[in-house]
Amino acid sequence: MKSRYKISLAVVLLGGGIVAGSLMNSSVNGASSSGQPGTADDPVVTKSYVDQKIAQAIKGGVTASSTSSKTTSSTAPATSSTTSNTTSSGTSNAAKSSTAEQSEALKVVDVKPGQKLIAKAGAEFILRNGNAVVYSMDASGAIDITSGTEIVHNQAVEKNHLLSFPREGRGIQVKEDQKFGLVVMVRGGYTVQ
């Protein structure tokens, strides 16, 4: 009796194993049959695909063919309006776009004693050489992004700190009793008074 019990138990376990294995096999077979390469079902990609996506991200998400035509069409207006960083509010859209492109470039500006470097809204300054103080007509001044503080009127500016001017009419000037001027890197619109 014991041998019959053992044999029937072995048959039931073996049969159960075969049924469970066949059910698992059908679900595994469904997972292995994927669609097209590079889709969400098959995330494996080629090196050329990755290089293409990196090139698009560097160029701002624009394909290479449309970037070359865009670059050639925008260089002519940019060169014609590079003479002045200060534009009036009534300029054309082409001049505004070229001013926006110019604002990304850093310019080195020399400020002599007695002069003020006044920023347009959103301009950024980095004092490279000289002793400067913030100039402002109101209680607020400039934001020292490097140290995370606000610098008000007549407070000293530290060298190599990035200053941001959120409104027009604020800037920097040479500290009183200084013989030498300032060397300032500027990004954005400005005027020297």
N, C-alpha and C. Protein backbone atom coordinates (compact mmCIF):
# COMPACT_ATOMS: atom_id res chain seq x y z
N MET A 1 0.79 -1.17 0.00
CA MET A 1 0.00 0.00 0.00
C MET A 1 0.86 1.26 0.00
N LYS A 2 1.92 1.15 0.70
CA LYS A 2 2.79 2.29 0.74
C LYS A 2 3.38 2.58 -0.62
N SER A 3 3.71 1.58 -1.39
CA SER A 3 4.30 1.80 -2.69
C SER A 3 3.29 2.41 -3.67
N ARG A 4 2.01 1.99 -3.57
CA ARG A 4 0.98 2.60 -4.40
C ARG A 4 0.80 4.08 -4.06
N TYR A 5 0.84 4.38 -2.80
CA TYR A 5 0.70 5.77 -2.34
C TYR A 5 1.86 6.60 -2.86
N LYS A 6 3.06 6.10 -2.83
CA LYS A 6 4.23 6.81 -3.30
C LYS A 6 4.17 7.03 -4.81
N ILE A 7 3.73 6.00 -5.53
CA ILE A 7 3.66 6.11 -6.99
C ILE A 7 2.60 7.14 -7.39
N SER A 8 1.44 7.10 -6.76
CA SER A 8 0.38 8.05 -7.12
C SER A 8 0.78 9.48 -6.73
N LEU A 9 1.47 9.65 -5.62
CA LEU A 9 1.94 10.96 -5.23
C LEU A 9 2.97 11.48 -6.24
N ALA A 10 3.87 10.61 -6.73
CA ALA A 10 4.87 10.99 -7.71
C ALA A 10 4.20 11.39 -9.03
N VAL A 11 3.15 10.67 -9.46
CA VAL A 11 2.45 10.96 -10.69
C VAL A 11 1.73 12.32 -10.58
N VAL A 12 1.11 12.60 -9.45
CA VAL A 12 0.41 13.85 -9.24
C VAL A 12 1.40 15.02 -9.25
N LEU A 13 2.52 14.87 -8.56
CA LEU A 13 3.52 15.93 -8.53
C LEU A 13 4.14 16.16 -9.91
N LEU A 14 4.43 15.07 -10.61
CA LEU A 14 4.99 15.19 -11.95
C LEU A 14 4.00 15.83 -12.91
N GLY A 15 2.75 15.44 -12.84
CA GLY A 15 1.71 16.04 -13.69
C GLY A 15 1.51 17.51 -13.35
N GLY A 16 1.51 17.86 -12.08
CA GLY A 16 1.37 19.26 -11.66
C GLY A 16 2.56 20.09 -12.14
N GLY A 17 3.75 19.51 -12.09
CA GLY A 17 4.94 20.21 -12.57
C GLY A 17 4.88 20.47 -14.07
N ILE A 18 4.37 19.51 -14.82
CA ILE A 18 4.26 19.67 -16.27
C ILE A 18 3.23 20.76 -16.60
N VAL A 19 2.11 20.78 -15.93
CA VAL A 19 1.07 21.78 -16.18
C VAL A 19 1.60 23.18 -15.81
N ALA A 20 2.25 23.30 -14.66
CA ALA A 20 2.78 24.60 -14.23
C ALA A 20 3.88 25.07 -15.19
N GLY A 21 4.72 24.15 -15.63
CA GLY A 21 5.77 24.51 -16.58
C GLY A 21 5.23 24.98 -17.91
N SER A 22 4.18 24.34 -18.39
CA SER A 22 3.62 24.76 -19.67
C SER A 22 2.94 26.13 -19.56
N LEU A 23 2.32 26.43 -18.42
CA LEU A 23 1.73 27.75 -18.23
C LEU A 23 2.80 28.83 -18.15
N MET A 24 3.89 28.56 -17.46
CA MET A 24 4.99 29.52 -17.37
C MET A 24 5.68 29.70 -18.72
N ASN A 25 5.79 28.67 -19.49
CA ASN A 25 6.45 28.74 -20.79
C ASN A 25 5.68 29.64 -21.75
N SER A 26 4.35 29.57 -21.72
CA SER A 26 3.58 30.40 -22.64
C SER A 26 3.72 31.89 -22.29
N SER A 27 3.82 32.22 -21.01
CA SER A 27 4.00 33.63 -20.65
C SER A 27 5.41 34.09 -20.97
N VAL A 28 6.40 33.24 -20.86
CA VAL A 28 7.76 33.60 -21.22
C VAL A 28 7.89 33.76 -22.73
N ASN A 29 7.24 32.91 -23.50
CA ASN A 29 7.29 33.04 -24.95
C ASN A 29 6.68 34.36 -25.40
N GLY A 30 5.63 34.82 -24.76
CA GLY A 30 5.03 36.09 -25.11
C GLY A 30 5.97 37.26 -24.83
N ALA A 31 6.78 37.16 -23.80
CA ALA A 31 7.70 38.24 -23.46
C ALA A 31 8.89 38.28 -24.40
N SER A 32 9.28 37.14 -24.94
CA SER A 32 10.47 37.12 -25.78
C SER A 32 10.18 37.59 -27.21
N SER A 33 8.94 37.56 -27.63
CA SER A 33 8.64 38.03 -28.98
C SER A 33 8.37 39.53 -28.93
N SER A 34 9.38 40.31 -29.31
CA SER A 34 9.24 41.77 -29.23
C SER A 34 8.99 42.33 -30.61
N GLY A 35 8.62 43.61 -30.61
CA GLY A 35 8.33 44.30 -31.86
C GLY A 35 9.61 44.79 -32.53
N GLN A 36 9.55 45.97 -33.05
CA GLN A 36 10.67 46.57 -33.78
C GLN A 36 11.78 46.98 -32.81
N PRO A 37 13.04 46.86 -33.25
CA PRO A 37 14.13 47.35 -32.40
C PRO A 37 14.05 48.87 -32.23
N GLY A 38 14.35 49.34 -31.01
CA GLY A 38 14.33 50.76 -30.73
C GLY A 38 12.99 51.28 -30.25
N THR A 39 11.96 50.41 -30.17
CA THR A 39 10.66 50.84 -29.66
C THR A 39 10.63 50.66 -28.16
N ALA A 40 9.50 50.97 -27.55
CA ALA A 40 9.35 50.81 -26.10
C ALA A 40 9.41 49.34 -25.71
N ASP A 41 9.02 48.44 -26.63
CA ASP A 41 9.09 47.01 -26.33
C ASP A 41 10.52 46.50 -26.39
N ASP A 42 11.37 47.12 -27.20
CA ASP A 42 12.77 46.71 -27.34
C ASP A 42 13.65 47.95 -27.17
N PRO A 43 14.08 48.23 -25.94
CA PRO A 43 14.81 49.48 -25.69
C PRO A 43 16.27 49.47 -26.12
N VAL A 44 16.76 48.42 -26.72
CA VAL A 44 18.15 48.39 -27.17
C VAL A 44 18.29 49.29 -28.40
N VAL A 45 19.28 50.21 -28.37
CA VAL A 45 19.48 51.14 -29.46
C VAL A 45 20.91 51.04 -29.97
N THR A 46 21.14 51.59 -31.15
CA THR A 46 22.46 51.55 -31.74
C THR A 46 23.25 52.80 -31.38
N LYS A 47 24.54 52.78 -31.60
CA LYS A 47 25.40 53.91 -31.31
C LYS A 47 25.03 55.10 -32.18
N SER A 48 24.69 54.86 -33.44
CA SER A 48 24.33 55.97 -34.33
C SER A 48 23.06 56.67 -33.85
N TYR A 49 22.11 55.93 -33.30
CA TYR A 49 20.89 56.53 -32.77
C TYR A 49 21.21 57.42 -31.57
N VAL A 50 22.07 56.94 -30.68
CA VAL A 50 22.47 57.72 -29.51
C VAL A 50 23.22 58.97 -29.94
N ASP A 51 24.14 58.85 -30.89
CA ASP A 51 24.89 60.01 -31.38
C ASP A 51 23.95 61.04 -32.00
N GLN A 52 22.95 60.58 -32.74
CA GLN A 52 21.99 61.48 -33.36
C GLN A 52 21.20 62.23 -32.29
N LYS A 53 20.75 61.56 -31.26
CA LYS A 53 19.97 62.19 -30.20
C LYS A 53 20.83 63.17 -29.40
N ILE A 54 22.10 62.86 -29.18
CA ILE A 54 22.99 63.77 -28.47
C ILE A 54 23.22 65.02 -29.31
N ALA A 55 23.43 64.86 -30.61
CA ALA A 55 23.62 66.01 -31.48
C ALA A 55 22.37 66.90 -31.50
N GLN A 56 21.19 66.30 -31.49
CA GLN A 56 19.95 67.08 -31.45
C GLN A 56 19.82 67.83 -30.13
N ALA A 57 20.21 67.19 -29.03
CA ALA A 57 20.11 67.86 -27.72
C ALA A 57 21.08 69.02 -27.62
N ILE A 58 22.26 68.88 -28.19
CA ILE A 58 23.25 69.96 -28.15
C ILE A 58 22.78 71.14 -28.97
N LYS A 59 22.13 70.87 -30.09
CA LYS A 59 21.66 71.95 -30.98
C LYS A 59 20.29 72.44 -30.58
N GLY A 60 19.80 72.07 -29.44
CA GLY A 60 18.52 72.57 -28.97
C GLY A 60 17.33 71.77 -29.46
N GLY A 61 17.53 70.51 -29.79
CA GLY A 61 16.43 69.67 -30.22
C GLY A 61 16.03 69.85 -31.67
N VAL A 62 16.84 70.53 -32.46
CA VAL A 62 16.55 70.76 -33.87
C VAL A 62 17.42 69.83 -34.69
N THR A 63 16.88 69.29 -35.76
CA THR A 63 17.66 68.40 -36.60
C THR A 63 18.77 69.17 -37.30
N ALA A 64 19.77 68.45 -37.76
CA ALA A 64 20.96 69.08 -38.35
C ALA A 64 20.62 69.86 -39.62
N SER A 65 19.71 69.38 -40.44
CA SER A 65 19.40 70.07 -41.70
C SER A 65 18.70 71.40 -41.45
N SER A 66 17.79 71.48 -40.49
CA SER A 66 17.10 72.75 -40.23
C SER A 66 17.98 73.70 -39.45
N THR A 67 18.97 73.20 -38.70
CA THR A 67 19.87 74.08 -37.97
C THR A 67 20.77 74.84 -38.91
N SER A 68 21.27 74.18 -39.97
CA SER A 68 22.18 74.88 -40.88
C SER A 68 21.46 75.99 -41.63
N SER A 69 20.21 75.77 -42.02
CA SER A 69 19.48 76.84 -42.71
C SER A 69 19.11 77.96 -41.75
N LYS A 70 18.84 77.63 -40.49
CA LYS A 70 18.52 78.65 -39.50
C LYS A 70 19.74 79.50 -39.18
N THR A 71 20.90 78.88 -39.11
CA THR A 71 22.12 79.60 -38.77
C THR A 71 22.49 80.59 -39.86
N THR A 72 22.39 80.18 -41.11
CA THR A 72 22.77 81.07 -42.19
C THR A 72 21.81 82.23 -42.31
N SER A 73 20.55 82.03 -42.01
CA SER A 73 19.59 83.13 -42.13
C SER A 73 19.70 84.10 -40.97
N SER A 74 20.17 83.67 -39.80
CA SER A 74 20.22 84.58 -38.66
C SER A 74 21.56 85.26 -38.51
N THR A 75 22.59 84.87 -39.24
CA THR A 75 23.88 85.53 -39.07
C THR A 75 23.91 86.90 -39.71
N ALA A 76 23.20 87.13 -40.76
CA ALA A 76 23.21 88.45 -41.39
C ALA A 76 22.64 89.53 -40.48
N PRO A 77 21.47 89.35 -39.84
CA PRO A 77 20.98 90.38 -38.96
C PRO A 77 21.86 90.55 -37.73
N ALA A 78 22.47 89.48 -37.24
CA ALA A 78 23.27 89.59 -36.03
C ALA A 78 24.51 90.43 -36.27
N THR A 79 25.14 90.31 -37.44
CA THR A 79 26.35 91.10 -37.69
C THR A 79 26.02 92.56 -37.93
N SER A 80 24.85 92.86 -38.46
CA SER A 80 24.53 94.25 -38.73
C SER A 80 24.17 95.03 -37.47
N SER A 81 23.73 94.35 -36.41
CA SER A 81 23.32 95.07 -35.21
C SER A 81 24.27 94.85 -34.04
N THR A 82 25.49 94.41 -34.29
CA THR A 82 26.42 94.19 -33.20
C THR A 82 27.12 95.45 -32.75
N THR A 83 26.85 96.57 -33.35
CA THR A 83 27.55 97.81 -33.00
C THR A 83 27.12 98.34 -31.65
N SER A 84 25.90 98.07 -31.21
CA SER A 84 25.44 98.62 -29.95
C SER A 84 24.73 97.56 -29.15
N ASN A 85 25.00 97.52 -27.87
CA ASN A 85 24.33 96.59 -26.99
C ASN A 85 23.05 97.19 -26.43
N THR A 86 22.86 98.48 -26.62
CA THR A 86 21.67 99.14 -26.10
C THR A 86 20.73 99.40 -27.25
N THR A 87 19.52 98.84 -27.13
CA THR A 87 18.52 99.03 -28.16
C THR A 87 17.30 99.66 -27.53
N SER A 88 16.57 100.43 -28.32
CA SER A 88 15.35 101.04 -27.80
C SER A 88 14.24 100.01 -27.82
N SER A 89 13.18 100.30 -27.12
CA SER A 89 12.09 99.34 -27.03
C SER A 89 11.30 99.26 -28.33
N GLY A 90 11.49 100.16 -29.27
CA GLY A 90 10.73 100.15 -30.50
C GLY A 90 11.45 99.49 -31.66
N THR A 91 12.43 98.64 -31.41
CA THR A 91 13.17 98.01 -32.50
C THR A 91 12.36 96.86 -33.08
N SER A 92 12.79 96.41 -34.26
CA SER A 92 12.08 95.34 -34.95
C SER A 92 12.38 94.01 -34.29
N ASN A 93 11.63 92.97 -34.67
CA ASN A 93 11.83 91.64 -34.12
C ASN A 93 13.19 91.08 -34.48
N ALA A 94 13.70 91.38 -35.66
CA ALA A 94 15.02 90.87 -36.06
C ALA A 94 16.09 91.46 -35.18
N ALA A 95 15.99 92.72 -34.85
CA ALA A 95 16.98 93.35 -33.98
C ALA A 95 16.87 92.81 -32.56
N LYS A 96 15.65 92.54 -32.10
CA LYS A 96 15.48 91.99 -30.76
C LYS A 96 16.09 90.61 -30.67
N SER A 97 15.92 89.78 -31.69
CA SER A 97 16.48 88.43 -31.64
C SER A 97 18.00 88.48 -31.67
N SER A 98 18.58 89.40 -32.42
CA SER A 98 20.04 89.48 -32.45
C SER A 98 20.57 90.03 -31.15
N THR A 99 19.82 90.90 -30.47
CA THR A 99 20.25 91.39 -29.17
C THR A 99 20.20 90.25 -28.16
N ALA A 100 19.20 89.37 -28.27
CA ALA A 100 19.13 88.23 -27.37
C ALA A 100 20.33 87.31 -27.60
N GLU A 101 20.74 87.16 -28.86
CA GLU A 101 21.92 86.33 -29.14
C GLU A 101 23.16 86.99 -28.59
N GLN A 102 23.25 88.31 -28.68
CA GLN A 102 24.40 89.02 -28.16
C GLN A 102 24.49 88.92 -26.66
N SER A 103 23.36 88.90 -25.98
CA SER A 103 23.37 88.90 -24.53
C SER A 103 24.02 87.64 -23.97
N GLU A 104 24.10 86.58 -24.75
CA GLU A 104 24.74 85.36 -24.28
C GLU A 104 26.26 85.47 -24.31
N ALA A 105 26.81 86.41 -25.09
CA ALA A 105 28.25 86.56 -25.18
C ALA A 105 28.74 87.50 -24.09
N LEU A 106 29.89 87.17 -23.52
CA LEU A 106 30.50 88.04 -22.52
C LEU A 106 31.35 89.09 -23.21
N LYS A 107 31.22 90.33 -22.78
CA LYS A 107 32.04 91.41 -23.31
C LYS A 107 32.87 91.98 -22.17
N VAL A 108 34.09 92.38 -22.46
CA VAL A 108 34.95 93.00 -21.47
C VAL A 108 34.81 94.51 -21.63
N VAL A 109 34.45 95.19 -20.53
CA VAL A 109 34.20 96.63 -20.55
C VAL A 109 35.14 97.30 -19.55
N ASP A 110 35.80 98.36 -19.98
CA ASP A 110 36.65 99.17 -19.11
C ASP A 110 35.85 100.36 -18.61
N VAL A 111 35.87 100.58 -17.29
CA VAL A 111 35.16 101.70 -16.69
C VAL A 111 36.20 102.58 -16.01
N LYS A 112 36.25 103.85 -16.41
CA LYS A 112 37.23 104.79 -15.86
C LYS A 112 36.71 105.42 -14.58
N PRO A 113 37.59 105.93 -13.74
CA PRO A 113 37.13 106.62 -12.52
C PRO A 113 36.16 107.75 -12.87
N GLY A 114 35.09 107.84 -12.11
CA GLY A 114 34.06 108.84 -12.37
C GLY A 114 32.95 108.34 -13.27
N GLN A 115 33.12 107.19 -13.92
CA GLN A 115 32.08 106.64 -14.79
C GLN A 115 31.28 105.59 -14.03
N LYS A 116 30.07 105.34 -14.54
CA LYS A 116 29.19 104.31 -13.99
C LYS A 116 28.85 103.33 -15.10
N LEU A 117 28.84 102.07 -14.78
CA LEU A 117 28.41 101.02 -15.70
C LEU A 117 26.99 100.65 -15.29
N ILE A 118 26.01 101.08 -16.05
CA ILE A 118 24.60 100.88 -15.73
C ILE A 118 24.07 99.69 -16.53
N ALA A 119 23.42 98.77 -15.84
CA ALA A 119 22.93 97.53 -16.46
C ALA A 119 21.50 97.70 -16.96
N LYS A 120 21.19 97.02 -18.04
CA LYS A 120 19.81 96.87 -18.48
C LYS A 120 19.19 95.74 -17.64
N ALA A 121 17.90 95.60 -17.68
CA ALA A 121 17.22 94.56 -16.90
C ALA A 121 17.73 93.17 -17.31
N GLY A 122 18.14 92.40 -16.33
CA GLY A 122 18.60 91.03 -16.56
C GLY A 122 20.07 90.90 -16.89
N ALA A 123 20.82 91.99 -16.89
CA ALA A 123 22.25 91.93 -17.22
C ALA A 123 23.03 91.32 -16.06
N GLU A 124 24.20 90.79 -16.39
CA GLU A 124 25.08 90.18 -15.39
C GLU A 124 26.48 90.75 -15.54
N PHE A 125 27.12 91.06 -14.42
CA PHE A 125 28.47 91.60 -14.40
C PHE A 125 29.36 90.70 -13.56
N ILE A 126 30.63 90.63 -13.95
CA ILE A 126 31.67 90.01 -13.14
C ILE A 126 32.82 91.00 -13.07
N LEU A 127 33.13 91.49 -11.87
CA LEU A 127 34.24 92.42 -11.68
C LEU A 127 35.54 91.63 -11.72
N ARG A 128 36.39 91.97 -12.68
CA ARG A 128 37.66 91.24 -12.83
C ARG A 128 38.82 92.00 -12.20
N ASN A 129 38.79 93.33 -12.27
CA ASN A 129 39.92 94.10 -11.75
C ASN A 129 39.42 95.46 -11.29
N GLY A 130 39.97 95.95 -10.18
CA GLY A 130 39.61 97.26 -9.66
C GLY A 130 38.75 97.15 -8.41
N ASN A 131 38.47 98.30 -7.82
CA ASN A 131 37.62 98.38 -6.63
C ASN A 131 36.33 99.09 -7.01
N ALA A 132 35.22 98.40 -6.83
CA ALA A 132 33.93 98.92 -7.27
C ALA A 132 32.92 98.87 -6.14
N VAL A 133 31.90 99.73 -6.27
CA VAL A 133 30.74 99.72 -5.39
C VAL A 133 29.50 99.68 -6.27
N VAL A 134 28.41 99.23 -5.67
CA VAL A 134 27.15 99.16 -6.41
C VAL A 134 26.53 100.55 -6.47
N TYR A 135 25.96 100.87 -7.62
CA TYR A 135 25.23 102.12 -7.81
C TYR A 135 23.76 101.77 -8.00
N SER A 136 22.90 102.42 -7.23
CA SER A 136 21.47 102.20 -7.36
C SER A 136 20.75 103.47 -6.93
N MET A 137 19.63 103.75 -7.58
CA MET A 137 18.85 104.94 -7.24
C MET A 137 17.79 104.63 -6.20
N ASP A 138 17.58 103.36 -5.87
CA ASP A 138 16.59 103.01 -4.86
C ASP A 138 17.24 102.16 -3.76
N ALA A 139 16.44 101.60 -2.87
CA ALA A 139 16.97 100.85 -1.73
C ALA A 139 17.59 99.52 -2.15
N SER A 140 17.11 98.94 -3.21
CA SER A 140 17.67 97.67 -3.67
C SER A 140 18.88 97.91 -4.54
N GLY A 141 19.65 96.87 -4.76
CA GLY A 141 20.84 97.00 -5.58
C GLY A 141 20.97 95.83 -6.52
N ALA A 142 22.07 95.12 -6.37
CA ALA A 142 22.36 93.97 -7.23
C ALA A 142 22.32 92.70 -6.40
N ILE A 143 22.16 91.59 -7.08
CA ILE A 143 22.18 90.29 -6.42
C ILE A 143 23.54 89.66 -6.70
N ASP A 144 24.26 89.33 -5.64
CA ASP A 144 25.53 88.63 -5.76
C ASP A 144 25.20 87.14 -5.79
N ILE A 145 25.15 86.58 -6.98
CA ILE A 145 24.74 85.19 -7.15
C ILE A 145 25.77 84.25 -6.54
N THR A 146 27.04 84.61 -6.58
CA THR A 146 28.09 83.75 -6.06
C THR A 146 27.94 83.52 -4.56
N SER A 147 27.69 84.60 -3.81
CA SER A 147 27.56 84.44 -2.36
C SER A 147 26.11 84.32 -1.91
N GLY A 148 25.17 84.62 -2.80
CA GLY A 148 23.76 84.49 -2.45
C GLY A 148 23.25 85.64 -1.61
N THR A 149 23.82 86.82 -1.76
CA THR A 149 23.41 87.97 -0.97
C THR A 149 23.01 89.11 -1.89
N GLU A 150 22.40 90.13 -1.29
CA GLU A 150 22.06 91.34 -2.03
C GLU A 150 23.04 92.44 -1.63
N ILE A 151 23.51 93.17 -2.62
CA ILE A 151 24.44 94.27 -2.39
C ILE A 151 23.68 95.55 -2.69
N VAL A 152 23.59 96.44 -1.70
CA VAL A 152 22.84 97.68 -1.87
C VAL A 152 23.78 98.81 -2.27
N HIS A 153 23.23 100.00 -2.47
CA HIS A 153 23.97 101.18 -2.93
C HIS A 153 25.19 101.46 -2.05
N ASN A 154 26.32 101.71 -2.70
CA ASN A 154 27.62 102.05 -2.09
C ASN A 154 28.27 100.91 -1.31
N GLN A 155 27.79 99.68 -1.42
CA GLN A 155 28.48 98.55 -0.83
C GLN A 155 29.50 98.01 -1.82
N ALA A 156 30.61 97.50 -1.30
CA ALA A 156 31.71 97.02 -2.13
C ALA A 156 31.32 95.75 -2.89
N VAL A 157 31.88 95.64 -4.08
CA VAL A 157 31.67 94.47 -4.93
C VAL A 157 32.94 93.62 -4.86
N GLU A 158 32.77 92.33 -4.62
CA GLU A 158 33.93 91.43 -4.58
C GLU A 158 34.31 91.02 -5.99
N LYS A 159 35.61 90.85 -6.19
CA LYS A 159 36.10 90.43 -7.50
C LYS A 159 35.67 88.99 -7.77
N ASN A 160 35.46 88.72 -9.05
CA ASN A 160 35.12 87.39 -9.57
C ASN A 160 33.81 86.84 -9.03
N HIS A 161 32.92 87.71 -8.57
CA HIS A 161 31.57 87.30 -8.16
C HIS A 161 30.60 87.69 -9.26
N LEU A 162 29.64 86.82 -9.52
CA LEU A 162 28.62 87.07 -10.54
C LEU A 162 27.52 87.92 -9.95
N LEU A 163 27.31 89.10 -10.53
CA LEU A 163 26.26 90.02 -10.09
C LEU A 163 25.13 90.03 -11.11
N SER A 164 23.90 90.00 -10.61
CA SER A 164 22.73 90.05 -11.48
C SER A 164 21.95 91.32 -11.16
N PHE A 165 21.48 91.99 -12.22
CA PHE A 165 20.73 93.23 -12.07
C PHE A 165 19.32 92.99 -12.62
N PRO A 166 18.33 92.80 -11.74
CA PRO A 166 16.98 92.47 -12.20
C PRO A 166 16.24 93.64 -12.84
N ARG A 167 16.66 94.89 -12.54
CA ARG A 167 15.98 96.05 -13.11
C ARG A 167 16.99 97.02 -13.69
N GLU A 168 16.50 97.88 -14.58
CA GLU A 168 17.37 98.89 -15.18
C GLU A 168 17.68 99.99 -14.16
N GLY A 169 18.74 100.74 -14.43
CA GLY A 169 19.09 101.88 -13.59
C GLY A 169 20.02 101.54 -12.45
N ARG A 170 20.46 100.32 -12.37
CA ARG A 170 21.40 99.90 -11.33
C ARG A 170 22.69 99.48 -12.01
N GLY A 171 23.77 99.56 -11.29
CA GLY A 171 25.04 99.17 -11.88
C GLY A 171 26.17 99.24 -10.88
N ILE A 172 27.39 99.45 -11.40
CA ILE A 172 28.55 99.57 -10.53
C ILE A 172 29.34 100.80 -10.97
N GLN A 173 30.14 101.31 -10.04
CA GLN A 173 30.99 102.45 -10.33
C GLN A 173 32.30 102.27 -9.58
N VAL A 174 33.31 103.04 -10.00
CA VAL A 174 34.61 102.98 -9.35
C VAL A 174 34.48 103.57 -7.95
N LYS A 175 35.07 102.87 -6.99
CA LYS A 175 35.04 103.33 -5.60
C LYS A 175 35.73 104.69 -5.50
N GLU A 176 35.25 105.58 -4.63
CA GLU A 176 35.83 106.91 -4.47
C GLU A 176 37.30 106.81 -4.09
N ASP A 177 38.07 107.81 -4.50
CA ASP A 177 39.50 107.92 -4.21
C ASP A 177 40.32 106.82 -4.86
N GLN A 178 39.85 106.26 -5.96
CA GLN A 178 40.61 105.26 -6.70
C GLN A 178 41.14 105.89 -7.98
N LYS A 179 42.42 105.63 -8.26
CA LYS A 179 43.04 106.18 -9.47
C LYS A 179 42.78 105.32 -10.69
N PHE A 180 42.61 104.03 -10.46
CA PHE A 180 42.49 103.09 -11.57
C PHE A 180 41.03 102.73 -11.81
N GLY A 181 40.74 102.36 -13.03
CA GLY A 181 39.38 102.00 -13.41
C GLY A 181 39.07 100.55 -13.11
N LEU A 182 37.99 100.10 -13.72
CA LEU A 182 37.50 98.74 -13.53
C LEU A 182 37.59 97.97 -14.84
N VAL A 183 37.76 96.68 -14.72
CA VAL A 183 37.62 95.77 -15.85
C VAL A 183 36.47 94.83 -15.47
N VAL A 184 35.41 94.87 -16.28
CA VAL A 184 34.19 94.14 -15.95
C VAL A 184 33.79 93.28 -17.14
N MET A 185 33.45 92.03 -16.87
CA MET A 185 32.86 91.17 -17.90
C MET A 185 31.35 91.33 -17.81
N VAL A 186 30.72 91.61 -18.96
CA VAL A 186 29.30 91.94 -18.99
C VAL A 186 28.57 90.97 -19.92
N ARG A 187 27.44 90.48 -19.46
CA ARG A 187 26.52 89.71 -20.30
C ARG A 187 25.17 90.41 -20.26
N GLY A 188 24.70 90.88 -21.39
CA GLY A 188 23.44 91.60 -21.44
C GLY A 188 23.65 93.06 -21.81
N GLY A 189 22.58 93.83 -21.78
CA GLY A 189 22.64 95.23 -22.17
C GLY A 189 23.22 96.10 -21.06
N TYR A 190 23.88 97.18 -21.45
CA TYR A 190 24.49 98.09 -20.49
C TYR A 190 24.75 99.43 -21.15
N THR A 191 24.99 100.44 -20.33
CA THR A 191 25.44 101.74 -20.80
C THR A 191 26.54 102.22 -19.85
N VAL A 192 27.45 103.03 -20.38
CA VAL A 192 28.51 103.64 -19.57
C VAL A 192 28.18 105.12 -19.49
N GLN A 193 28.06 105.63 -18.26
CA GLN A 193 27.73 107.04 -18.06
C GLN A 193 28.89 107.75 -17.37
